[in-house]
Amino acid sequence: MNTYITTIGLEIHAELKTKTKMFCNSKNDPDEEKPNANICPVCMGHPGTLPVINKEAIKHVIKVGFAIGGTIADFTEFDRKNYFYPDIPKGYQLSQYEFPLVSGGTLRNVAITRVHLEEDTATSLHDRGDYSLVDFNRAGVPLMELVTEPVIKSAKEAGDFARELQLLLRYLGVSDANMEKGEMRVEANISISKDAGKLGTKVEVKNINSFRAVERAIAYEVSRHEALLDSGEKILQETRGWNEDTQKTFAQRRKEESHDYRYFPDPDLPKLAISEIPEFKKEVLQKEMPELPEGKRVRYAKDFGIKPEDIELFVNEPVYAGYFEQVVLALKNKPSLVKLASNYILSDLVGLAKTGGWKESALPASVLADIVILIEGGELSSRGAKELVALYYREGIALAGKELKEVATEKGLIQKSNDDELTKVSEALIADNPKAVEEFKAGKVASLQFLVGQGMKATNGSANPAKLRTILEGLLK
C-alpha cells in the first residue's frame, strides 16, 4: 500500500445578512417560501437595468477581513464571470476576480488566500417530473466567498475549519450561515501525492451542505484517489457532487479554469477606493467589532480557569456564555465559585434547556449565584442544588418574590448541620446497622461510608455529609 500526502483547499460561500440584495432593492429573505416573490428587473437581468452596489454587504466582508487579520483592498471592482446556466438570468455572474476585497489572513491556523463578494444564483428545482423549475428569490443575494490556501491535510481539519468560519460569521452578525437552508455551502479541492512538494491532480467536490458531509466527501475522495493511483489509473481533473444517500461522490463535469469564464470588469458598476469611504475606515469599523471566538477562548481560560471543553461549549453557545458572565458578576469573580457555577450551567441547565427550551427568566443569574454560595457555605448539598435548579426552571415565575433560602427550607433541601440533631441520627444508624459497625471496627473503612450513605437516605439528603461522617467516626471510635 502506497503512502500519499493529502492536500485540501476549501472554497466556502456564505449568504450575507442584508435587507436587500447585492445590486438591487429586492428583499433578501432566506425564509421566503413563495417562488419568485422577491425579484425585480435588475436581479432578473432585464435589458436596460443598472445595478447599484449594496454598501452593507461590502462592510460585512471588510469586517470578516479584520477578523481574520487579512489585508483590506484599497482598490476593488466587480467583474463579470461569464457562463450560461438557467439559474443565471443575465448570462453572467457579478463577482470579483483580480481585486478581491480581502487578501490573506488566517483562521484556525489555516492560511486564507482571499475573501471576495459576489451575487448568488437562483435555485433550480428538479423534483416535479421530467422538467426543471427556477426560483429567482435567491438570485442576486449578497454572497461572500472565502478561499483557503491548499494547506489543509485531513477531512477533520477541513470540517473544523468550516465550523469555525460559521461561528465567526455568526459572532460578527454578517451571516446566519445556516447550512440546512443553503446559506453556507462548502466546496473542497482535493489532491493526493507521494511528493510533499508537489500537488496531485485536483478534484473539486461542490455545494456540500453539512459539516459531516464535508468530512465524509473528502475522506471518500482521498480513498478513491488512492485506489485509482494504486491500480495504475489516472485521476481526472473534474467537478464532482456528493450523494448523501450513497455516501459517495459522483462526476458532474470537467473542471473549468478561470479563463473559461472570460472575466472582465463590469462597465455598469463604479470602481471602489475603500480607503476613501469614511464608514469603511478601520478605526470606524473596529468600534463595531464584537469579541471574537478565539478572543473569548483566551479570556475564559485566563480569567475563569474553566476546562477547555467547557470553554468550547460557551464559545459555541453565546446565550449560555452571556448568562454565565452575569453569574460571574454576581459571584464577584471568585474562582472556586465561578467553576462551580460553570458546572451547573453546562450540566444541569443545558440538560433542562434541551427538553424545555432556554428560560433564563425562570432561573435568573442572581439566583444561580445564590445557590452556588449556599453550596460553598455547606448549607446546600450537590443533590439539593440540582433539585433547586430544576425546581426554579420548572416553576420560576411561581417562586418569584421568595427568598432562595426560604424556598430551599420549604422543600427540605437545606442541609442539617446541627451537632445535636446529627448525633441523634448517627446513634440511630449505629444501633440499626450492627454488622457495618462491627466491620468498621475490624478495619473495613468502606463501612463508614456505607453508614454515611444510610444517614443521607434517612434524612432525605438533608444531612451535611461531611459533618455526619465526622460525628459517626467519633462515636464509633
Protein backbone atom coordinates (compact mmCIF):
# COMPACT_ATOMS: atom_id res chain seq x y z
CA MET A 1 0.00 0.00 0.00
CA ASN A 2 1.48 3.33 -1.07
CA THR A 3 1.61 6.29 1.29
CA TYR A 4 0.17 9.52 -0.05
CA ILE A 5 0.11 13.10 1.21
CA THR A 6 -3.34 14.70 1.17
CA THR A 7 -3.74 18.39 0.30
CA ILE A 8 -7.07 20.18 0.61
CA GLY A 9 -8.18 23.70 -0.17
CA LEU A 10 -11.65 24.98 0.64
CA GLU A 11 -13.93 27.49 -1.09
CA ILE A 12 -16.77 28.48 1.21
CA HIS A 13 -19.77 30.57 0.19
CA ALA A 14 -21.95 32.32 2.76
CA GLU A 15 -25.05 34.40 2.10
CA LEU A 16 -24.81 37.73 3.90
CA LYS A 17 -27.48 39.23 6.18
CA THR A 18 -28.65 42.39 4.47
CA LYS A 19 -32.11 43.88 4.00
CA THR A 20 -31.82 43.88 0.22
CA LYS A 21 -29.96 42.01 -2.48
CA MET A 22 -26.45 42.78 -3.69
CA PHE A 23 -27.25 45.05 -6.62
CA CYS A 24 -30.94 45.94 -6.30
CA ASN A 25 -33.58 46.75 -3.68
CA SER A 26 -35.39 43.40 -3.82
CA LYS A 27 -35.81 41.89 -0.34
CA ASN A 28 -33.14 39.48 0.89
CA ASP A 29 -35.28 36.92 2.70
CA PRO A 30 -33.95 33.34 3.01
CA ASP A 31 -37.23 32.24 4.63
CA GLU A 32 -39.47 33.24 1.73
CA GLU A 33 -41.32 30.12 0.53
CA LYS A 34 -43.35 31.60 -2.33
CA PRO A 35 -41.32 31.22 -5.56
CA ASN A 36 -40.22 34.39 -7.36
CA ALA A 37 -41.71 36.72 -4.73
CA ASN A 38 -38.59 38.83 -4.16
CA ILE A 39 -37.48 39.75 -7.66
CA CYS A 40 -37.17 42.85 -9.86
CA PRO A 41 -35.92 43.74 -13.35
CA VAL A 42 -32.36 44.23 -12.04
CA CYS A 43 -31.88 40.81 -10.41
CA MET A 44 -33.75 39.20 -13.32
CA GLY A 45 -31.24 40.69 -15.75
CA HIS A 46 -33.69 42.65 -17.88
CA PRO A 47 -32.11 44.81 -20.62
CA GLY A 48 -31.51 48.44 -19.77
CA THR A 49 -31.31 47.95 -15.98
CA LEU A 50 -28.42 49.25 -13.88
CA PRO A 51 -27.08 47.55 -10.71
CA VAL A 52 -26.24 49.53 -7.56
CA ILE A 53 -23.72 48.21 -5.00
CA ASN A 54 -25.05 47.24 -1.56
CA LYS A 55 -22.85 49.15 0.91
CA GLU A 56 -23.82 46.95 3.88
CA ALA A 57 -22.58 43.82 2.08
CA ILE A 58 -19.21 45.50 1.46
CA LYS A 59 -19.00 46.40 5.15
CA HIS A 60 -19.76 42.80 6.19
CA VAL A 61 -16.89 41.41 4.12
CA ILE A 62 -14.45 44.04 5.41
CA LYS A 63 -15.37 43.01 8.97
CA VAL A 64 -14.57 39.41 8.09
CA GLY A 65 -11.24 40.66 6.74
CA PHE A 66 -10.45 42.40 10.01
CA ALA A 67 -11.43 39.30 11.98
CA ILE A 68 -9.04 37.01 10.10
CA GLY A 69 -6.21 39.54 10.03
CA GLY A 70 -6.39 39.96 6.26
CA THR A 71 -5.38 42.93 4.11
CA ILE A 72 -8.30 45.13 3.09
CA ALA A 73 -8.10 46.26 -0.53
CA ASP A 74 -7.55 49.92 -1.18
CA PHE A 75 -8.91 49.47 -4.70
CA THR A 76 -11.55 46.93 -5.71
CA GLU A 77 -14.01 46.35 -8.53
CA PHE A 78 -16.63 43.89 -9.70
CA ASP A 79 -16.17 41.62 -12.71
CA ARG A 80 -18.47 39.69 -14.98
CA LYS A 81 -17.97 35.93 -14.71
CA ASN A 82 -19.47 34.72 -17.97
CA TYR A 83 -21.24 31.39 -18.26
CA PHE A 84 -24.70 30.22 -19.22
CA TYR A 85 -26.93 28.27 -16.88
CA PRO A 86 -30.68 28.56 -16.21
CA ASP A 87 -30.07 29.93 -12.69
CA ILE A 88 -28.02 32.88 -14.06
CA PRO A 89 -30.60 35.15 -15.73
CA LYS A 90 -28.04 37.65 -17.07
CA GLY A 91 -25.76 35.03 -18.62
CA TYR A 92 -23.00 36.19 -16.25
CA GLN A 93 -22.47 36.45 -12.51
CA LEU A 94 -21.20 39.65 -10.91
CA SER A 95 -18.17 38.64 -8.86
CA GLN A 96 -14.62 39.78 -8.08
CA TYR A 97 -11.56 38.41 -9.83
CA GLU A 98 -8.31 40.35 -9.80
CA PHE A 99 -9.09 42.76 -6.96
CA PRO A 100 -10.85 40.97 -4.06
CA LEU A 101 -11.97 42.94 -1.03
CA VAL A 102 -9.72 40.92 1.32
CA SER A 103 -6.39 39.19 0.73
CA GLY A 104 -4.53 36.94 3.15
CA GLY A 105 -5.25 36.26 6.80
CA THR A 106 -5.63 33.10 8.87
CA LEU A 107 -8.36 31.26 10.72
CA ARG A 108 -7.78 28.21 12.93
CA ASN A 109 -4.16 28.22 11.71
CA VAL A 110 -5.30 27.85 8.09
CA ALA A 111 -3.94 30.44 5.66
CA ILE A 112 -6.58 32.34 3.69
CA THR A 113 -5.98 33.29 0.06
CA ARG A 114 -8.82 35.77 -0.42
CA VAL A 115 -12.34 36.79 0.55
CA HIS A 116 -14.46 38.36 -2.16
CA LEU A 117 -18.04 39.38 -2.78
CA GLU A 118 -20.43 38.28 -5.50
CA GLU A 119 -24.11 37.66 -6.14
CA ASP A 120 -25.81 34.33 -5.54
CA THR A 121 -27.52 32.36 -8.27
CA ALA A 122 -31.19 31.38 -8.49
CA THR A 123 -32.38 27.96 -7.27
CA SER A 124 -33.10 25.18 -9.77
CA LEU A 125 -35.72 22.62 -8.74
CA HIS A 126 -35.79 19.18 -10.33
CA ASP A 127 -38.45 17.45 -8.25
CA ARG A 128 -41.60 17.96 -10.35
CA GLY A 129 -41.18 15.49 -13.19
CA ASP A 130 -39.17 15.47 -16.42
CA TYR A 131 -38.62 19.23 -16.31
CA SER A 132 -36.98 21.82 -14.03
CA LEU A 133 -38.25 25.00 -12.43
CA VAL A 134 -36.24 28.05 -11.40
CA ASP A 135 -36.94 30.17 -8.31
CA PHE A 136 -35.22 33.56 -8.60
CA ASN A 137 -35.72 34.64 -4.97
CA ARG A 138 -32.07 33.82 -4.24
CA ALA A 139 -30.72 35.38 -7.45
CA GLY A 140 -28.67 38.44 -6.55
CA VAL A 141 -28.40 37.78 -2.80
CA PRO A 142 -25.01 39.03 -1.46
CA LEU A 143 -22.65 36.06 -1.36
CA MET A 144 -19.26 36.08 0.34
CA GLU A 145 -16.70 33.59 -0.90
CA LEU A 146 -13.67 32.68 1.21
CA VAL A 147 -10.86 30.70 -0.39
CA THR A 148 -8.16 28.98 1.66
CA GLU A 149 -4.65 28.13 0.62
CA PRO A 150 -4.16 24.40 -0.18
CA VAL A 151 -2.72 23.69 3.26
CA ILE A 152 -5.38 21.53 4.94
CA LYS A 153 -4.19 17.95 5.48
CA SER A 154 -7.23 15.96 6.62
CA ALA A 155 -11.00 15.70 6.41
CA LYS A 156 -11.32 16.50 10.13
CA GLU A 157 -9.18 19.64 9.80
CA ALA A 158 -11.39 20.78 6.92
CA GLY A 159 -14.57 20.17 8.94
CA ASP A 160 -13.15 22.02 11.94
CA PHE A 161 -12.21 24.99 9.77
CA ALA A 162 -15.70 25.21 8.27
CA ARG A 163 -17.29 25.06 11.74
CA GLU A 164 -15.01 27.84 12.97
CA LEU A 165 -15.87 30.04 9.99
CA GLN A 166 -19.59 29.55 10.60
CA LEU A 167 -19.06 30.54 14.24
CA LEU A 168 -17.07 33.63 13.25
CA LEU A 169 -19.73 34.79 10.77
CA ARG A 170 -22.42 34.45 13.44
CA TYR A 171 -20.36 36.35 16.03
CA LEU A 172 -19.84 39.17 13.53
CA GLY A 173 -23.56 39.15 12.72
CA VAL A 174 -22.83 39.16 8.99
CA SER A 175 -24.48 35.80 8.19
CA ASP A 176 -26.57 33.13 9.89
CA ALA A 177 -24.61 30.62 7.77
CA ASN A 178 -27.33 28.00 8.18
CA MET A 179 -26.15 25.06 6.10
CA GLU A 180 -29.55 23.35 6.06
CA LYS A 181 -31.03 26.43 4.36
CA GLY A 182 -28.13 26.66 1.92
CA GLU A 183 -26.88 29.91 3.49
CA MET A 184 -23.40 28.36 3.72
CA ARG A 185 -22.01 25.92 1.16
CA VAL A 186 -18.60 24.28 1.13
CA GLU A 187 -16.55 23.23 -1.90
CA ALA A 188 -13.45 21.12 -1.33
CA ASN A 189 -10.47 20.87 -3.69
CA ILE A 190 -8.67 17.61 -3.01
CA SER A 191 -5.43 16.14 -4.31
CA ILE A 192 -3.01 13.46 -3.18
CA SER A 193 0.65 12.95 -3.99
CA LYS A 194 3.65 10.91 -2.90
CA ASP A 195 5.80 14.03 -3.09
CA ALA A 196 5.40 16.54 -0.23
CA GLY A 197 6.45 19.39 -2.51
CA LYS A 198 4.08 18.58 -5.35
CA LEU A 199 0.30 18.66 -5.69
CA GLY A 200 -1.53 15.84 -7.40
CA THR A 201 -4.43 16.18 -9.84
CA LYS A 202 -7.10 18.34 -8.21
CA VAL A 203 -10.74 17.29 -7.92
CA GLU A 204 -13.42 19.68 -6.66
CA VAL A 205 -16.47 18.49 -4.72
CA LYS A 206 -19.12 21.22 -4.94
CA ASN A 207 -22.00 22.51 -2.81
CA ILE A 208 -21.62 20.37 0.29
CA ASN A 209 -24.24 21.44 2.82
CA SER A 210 -23.28 19.88 6.17
CA PHE A 211 -20.09 19.58 8.19
CA ARG A 212 -20.44 15.82 8.40
CA ALA A 213 -20.83 15.66 4.62
CA VAL A 214 -17.70 17.81 4.18
CA GLU A 215 -15.63 15.33 6.17
CA ARG A 216 -17.18 12.25 4.55
CA ALA A 217 -16.90 13.60 1.00
CA ILE A 218 -13.21 14.42 1.48
CA ALA A 219 -12.49 11.04 3.09
CA TYR A 220 -14.27 9.29 0.22
CA GLU A 221 -12.34 11.23 -2.41
CA VAL A 222 -8.99 10.55 -0.75
CA SER A 223 -9.77 6.80 -0.70
CA ARG A 224 -10.95 6.94 -4.34
CA HIS A 225 -7.78 8.74 -5.45
CA GLU A 226 -5.57 6.26 -3.62
CA ALA A 227 -7.35 3.29 -5.19
CA LEU A 228 -7.00 4.79 -8.70
CA LEU A 229 -3.29 5.52 -8.33
CA ASP A 230 -2.58 2.14 -6.72
CA SER A 231 -4.19 0.42 -9.71
CA GLY A 232 -2.15 2.49 -12.19
CA GLU A 233 -5.06 4.66 -13.37
CA LYS A 234 -5.10 8.43 -13.74
CA ILE A 235 -7.21 10.88 -11.75
CA LEU A 236 -9.33 13.18 -13.90
CA GLN A 237 -9.44 16.88 -13.04
CA GLU A 238 -13.18 17.34 -12.67
CA THR A 239 -16.04 18.69 -10.60
CA ARG A 240 -17.97 16.17 -8.55
CA GLY A 241 -21.04 16.24 -6.32
CA TRP A 242 -21.81 14.46 -3.05
CA ASN A 243 -24.66 11.97 -2.77
CA GLU A 244 -25.84 11.78 0.84
CA ASP A 245 -27.83 8.59 0.21
CA THR A 246 -24.98 6.56 -1.27
CA GLN A 247 -22.26 8.35 0.74
CA LYS A 248 -20.27 8.66 -2.49
CA THR A 249 -19.19 11.44 -4.84
CA PHE A 250 -20.28 11.44 -8.48
CA ALA A 251 -18.91 13.09 -11.62
CA GLN A 252 -20.62 16.29 -12.78
CA ARG A 253 -18.35 17.96 -15.34
CA ARG A 254 -14.73 18.53 -16.26
CA LYS A 255 -13.16 21.22 -14.10
CA GLU A 256 -13.18 24.72 -15.59
CA GLU A 257 -10.22 27.09 -15.37
CA SER A 258 -10.54 30.83 -14.72
CA HIS A 259 -10.01 31.69 -18.40
CA ASP A 260 -13.10 29.65 -19.27
CA TYR A 261 -15.22 32.35 -17.60
CA ARG A 262 -13.78 35.26 -19.64
CA TYR A 263 -13.69 37.65 -16.68
CA PHE A 264 -13.73 41.37 -17.42
CA PRO A 265 -14.57 44.43 -15.25
CA ASP A 266 -18.27 45.24 -15.15
CA PRO A 267 -18.83 48.53 -17.02
CA ASP A 268 -22.03 49.38 -15.12
CA LEU A 269 -20.52 49.43 -11.61
CA PRO A 270 -18.10 52.04 -10.21
CA LYS A 271 -14.59 51.17 -9.06
CA LEU A 272 -14.22 51.47 -5.29
CA ALA A 273 -11.43 53.17 -3.34
CA ILE A 274 -12.15 51.65 0.06
CA SER A 275 -9.83 53.97 2.00
CA GLU A 276 -11.77 56.99 0.74
CA ILE A 277 -15.12 55.81 2.11
CA PRO A 278 -15.40 57.15 5.72
CA GLU A 279 -17.58 54.37 7.16
CA PHE A 280 -15.14 51.71 5.90
CA LYS A 281 -12.12 53.11 7.71
CA LYS A 282 -10.51 50.66 10.10
CA GLU A 283 -10.88 52.85 13.20
CA VAL A 284 -14.61 53.21 12.49
CA LEU A 285 -15.33 49.54 11.88
CA GLN A 286 -13.14 48.35 14.76
CA LYS A 287 -15.59 50.02 17.16
CA GLU A 288 -18.35 47.80 15.78
CA MET A 289 -16.33 44.57 16.08
CA PRO A 290 -17.53 42.19 18.83
CA GLU A 291 -15.36 39.86 20.87
CA LEU A 292 -14.49 37.01 18.52
CA PRO A 293 -14.50 33.27 19.30
CA GLU A 294 -10.73 32.94 19.72
CA GLY A 295 -10.59 36.03 21.94
CA LYS A 296 -13.33 34.57 24.12
CA ARG A 297 -11.45 31.27 24.43
CA VAL A 298 -8.31 33.06 25.60
CA ARG A 299 -10.20 35.29 28.05
CA TYR A 300 -12.22 32.46 29.60
CA ALA A 301 -9.09 30.37 30.14
CA LYS A 302 -7.19 33.31 31.65
CA ASP A 303 -9.95 34.87 33.75
CA PHE A 304 -12.04 31.88 34.82
CA GLY A 305 -9.73 28.86 34.58
CA ILE A 306 -12.53 26.57 33.44
CA LYS A 307 -11.98 23.39 31.42
CA PRO A 308 -11.26 23.72 27.67
CA GLU A 309 -14.31 21.62 26.77
CA ASP A 310 -16.49 23.90 28.92
CA ILE A 311 -14.99 26.97 27.27
CA GLU A 312 -15.78 25.49 23.87
CA LEU A 313 -19.44 24.99 24.77
CA PHE A 314 -19.72 28.60 25.96
CA VAL A 315 -17.99 29.84 22.79
CA ASN A 316 -20.37 27.85 20.59
CA GLU A 317 -23.50 28.87 22.54
CA PRO A 318 -23.41 32.64 23.14
CA VAL A 319 -26.73 32.55 25.05
CA TYR A 320 -25.14 30.36 27.74
CA ALA A 321 -21.96 32.46 27.70
CA GLY A 322 -23.95 35.65 28.35
CA TYR A 323 -25.80 34.02 31.23
CA PHE A 324 -22.54 32.66 32.67
CA GLU A 325 -20.96 36.11 32.66
CA GLN A 326 -23.95 37.52 34.55
CA VAL A 327 -23.46 34.80 37.18
CA VAL A 328 -19.73 35.61 37.36
CA LEU A 329 -20.54 39.25 38.11
CA ALA A 330 -22.98 38.21 40.84
CA LEU A 331 -20.26 35.99 42.38
CA LYS A 332 -17.70 38.82 42.21
CA ASN A 333 -15.49 36.59 40.05
CA LYS A 334 -14.42 34.29 42.90
CA PRO A 335 -12.57 31.43 41.09
CA SER A 336 -13.89 28.44 43.06
CA LEU A 337 -17.48 29.67 42.84
CA VAL A 338 -17.15 30.51 39.13
CA LYS A 339 -16.02 26.99 38.29
CA LEU A 340 -18.89 25.53 40.31
CA ALA A 341 -21.39 27.80 38.55
CA SER A 342 -19.98 26.74 35.19
CA ASN A 343 -20.57 23.08 36.09
CA TYR A 344 -24.22 23.68 36.97
CA ILE A 345 -24.87 25.70 33.81
CA LEU A 346 -23.30 23.18 31.45
CA SER A 347 -24.64 20.04 33.11
CA ASP A 348 -28.00 20.89 34.69
CA LEU A 349 -29.21 23.97 32.82
CA VAL A 350 -28.12 22.82 29.37
CA GLY A 351 -29.81 19.47 30.01
CA LEU A 352 -33.05 21.16 31.09
CA ALA A 353 -32.95 23.53 28.11
CA LYS A 354 -32.75 20.60 25.68
CA THR A 355 -36.21 19.45 26.71
CA GLY A 356 -37.90 22.64 27.87
CA GLY A 357 -36.12 25.34 25.85
CA TRP A 358 -33.88 28.08 27.25
CA LYS A 359 -35.69 30.01 30.01
CA GLU A 360 -33.28 32.45 31.63
CA SER A 361 -36.16 34.29 33.32
CA ALA A 362 -37.08 31.14 35.28
CA LEU A 363 -33.65 30.98 36.92
CA PRO A 364 -32.12 34.47 36.96
CA ALA A 365 -28.33 34.63 37.14
CA SER A 366 -28.54 36.10 40.65
CA VAL A 367 -30.49 33.05 41.88
CA LEU A 368 -27.94 30.59 40.48
CA ALA A 369 -25.20 32.67 42.11
CA ASP A 370 -27.01 32.39 45.46
CA ILE A 371 -27.36 28.61 45.00
CA VAL A 372 -23.61 28.32 44.43
CA ILE A 373 -22.90 30.42 47.54
CA LEU A 374 -25.12 28.12 49.63
CA ILE A 375 -23.21 25.10 48.34
CA GLU A 376 -19.86 26.58 49.30
CA GLY A 377 -21.21 27.51 52.72
CA GLY A 378 -22.23 23.89 53.33
CA GLU A 379 -25.92 24.78 53.58
CA LEU A 380 -26.85 23.05 50.36
CA SER A 381 -25.72 19.67 49.05
CA SER A 382 -24.95 18.97 45.42
CA ARG A 383 -28.12 16.92 45.21
CA GLY A 384 -30.12 19.70 46.84
CA ALA A 385 -28.64 22.24 44.42
CA LYS A 386 -29.65 20.13 41.43
CA GLU A 387 -33.20 19.86 42.77
CA LEU A 388 -33.37 23.62 43.33
CA VAL A 389 -32.09 24.39 39.83
CA ALA A 390 -34.71 22.05 38.31
CA LEU A 391 -37.43 23.46 40.58
CA TYR A 392 -36.72 27.04 39.55
CA TYR A 393 -36.53 26.05 35.91
CA ARG A 394 -39.98 24.47 36.10
CA GLU A 395 -41.67 26.93 38.47
CA GLY A 396 -39.51 30.06 38.36
CA ILE A 397 -42.36 32.52 37.88
CA ALA A 398 -44.35 30.93 40.73
CA LEU A 399 -41.33 31.30 43.03
CA ALA A 400 -40.64 34.94 42.12
CA GLY A 401 -40.50 37.20 45.16
CA LYS A 402 -39.46 34.43 47.54
CA GLU A 403 -36.02 34.31 49.07
CA LEU A 404 -33.95 31.38 47.79
CA LYS A 405 -33.23 30.10 51.29
CA GLU A 406 -36.93 30.22 52.11
CA VAL A 407 -37.72 28.07 49.08
CA ALA A 408 -34.89 25.63 49.90
CA THR A 409 -36.11 25.32 53.51
CA GLU A 410 -39.71 24.71 52.46
CA LYS A 411 -38.55 21.89 50.17
CA GLY A 412 -36.35 20.36 52.88
CA LEU A 413 -33.16 20.99 50.91
CA ILE A 414 -31.15 22.99 53.45
CA GLN A 415 -28.52 20.69 54.94
CA LYS A 416 -28.79 19.73 58.60
CA SER A 417 -25.58 20.76 60.30
CA ASN A 418 -26.75 20.94 63.93
CA ASP A 419 -24.47 18.71 66.06
CA ASP A 420 -27.22 17.52 68.43
CA GLU A 421 -29.56 16.64 65.57
CA LEU A 422 -26.88 14.78 63.61
CA THR A 423 -25.68 12.99 66.75
CA LYS A 424 -29.18 11.56 67.22
CA VAL A 425 -29.20 10.44 63.56
CA SER A 426 -25.76 8.85 63.99
CA GLU A 427 -26.72 6.98 67.17
CA ALA A 428 -29.76 5.54 65.40
CA LEU A 429 -27.60 4.45 62.46
CA ILE A 430 -25.14 2.67 64.76
CA ALA A 431 -27.97 0.89 66.55
CA ASP A 432 -29.67 -0.17 63.29
CA ASN A 433 -26.52 -1.38 61.48
CA PRO A 434 -24.53 -3.60 63.86
CA LYS A 435 -22.84 -5.55 61.05
CA ALA A 436 -21.43 -2.38 59.44
CA VAL A 437 -20.29 -1.16 62.88
CA GLU A 438 -18.53 -4.46 63.53
CA GLU A 439 -16.83 -4.40 60.11
CA PHE A 440 -15.64 -0.82 60.62
CA LYS A 441 -14.13 -1.70 63.98
CA ALA A 442 -12.42 -4.64 62.29
CA GLY A 443 -10.70 -2.23 59.90
CA LYS A 444 -13.10 -2.03 56.93
CA VAL A 445 -13.09 1.73 56.20
CA ALA A 446 -15.76 1.40 53.48
CA SER A 447 -18.31 0.54 56.14
CA LEU A 448 -18.15 4.12 57.43
CA GLN A 449 -19.11 5.40 54.00
CA PHE A 450 -21.99 2.92 53.96
CA LEU A 451 -23.27 4.38 57.23
CA VAL A 452 -22.95 7.93 55.86
CA GLY A 453 -24.97 6.87 52.83
CA GLN A 454 -27.66 5.35 55.06
CA GLY A 455 -27.75 8.59 57.03
CA MET A 456 -28.24 10.66 53.89
CA LYS A 457 -31.03 8.32 52.87
CA ALA A 458 -32.68 8.56 56.30
CA THR A 459 -32.62 12.38 56.19
CA ASN A 460 -33.72 12.60 52.52
CA GLY A 461 -30.36 14.03 51.62
CA SER A 462 -30.64 16.94 54.04
CA ALA A 463 -27.78 15.96 56.35
CA ASN A 464 -24.42 17.64 55.88
CA PRO A 465 -22.41 14.55 54.76
CA ALA A 466 -19.04 15.84 55.97
CA LYS A 467 -20.40 16.64 59.42
CA LEU A 468 -22.33 13.37 59.59
CA ARG A 469 -19.18 11.43 58.77
CA THR A 470 -17.19 13.24 61.46
CA ILE A 471 -19.82 12.57 64.15
CA LEU A 472 -20.19 8.90 63.13
CA GLU A 473 -16.45 8.40 63.19
CA GLY A 474 -16.20 9.98 66.64
CA LEU A 475 -18.96 7.79 68.07
CA LEU A 476 -17.53 4.60 66.56
CA LYS A 477 -14.07 5.27 67.92
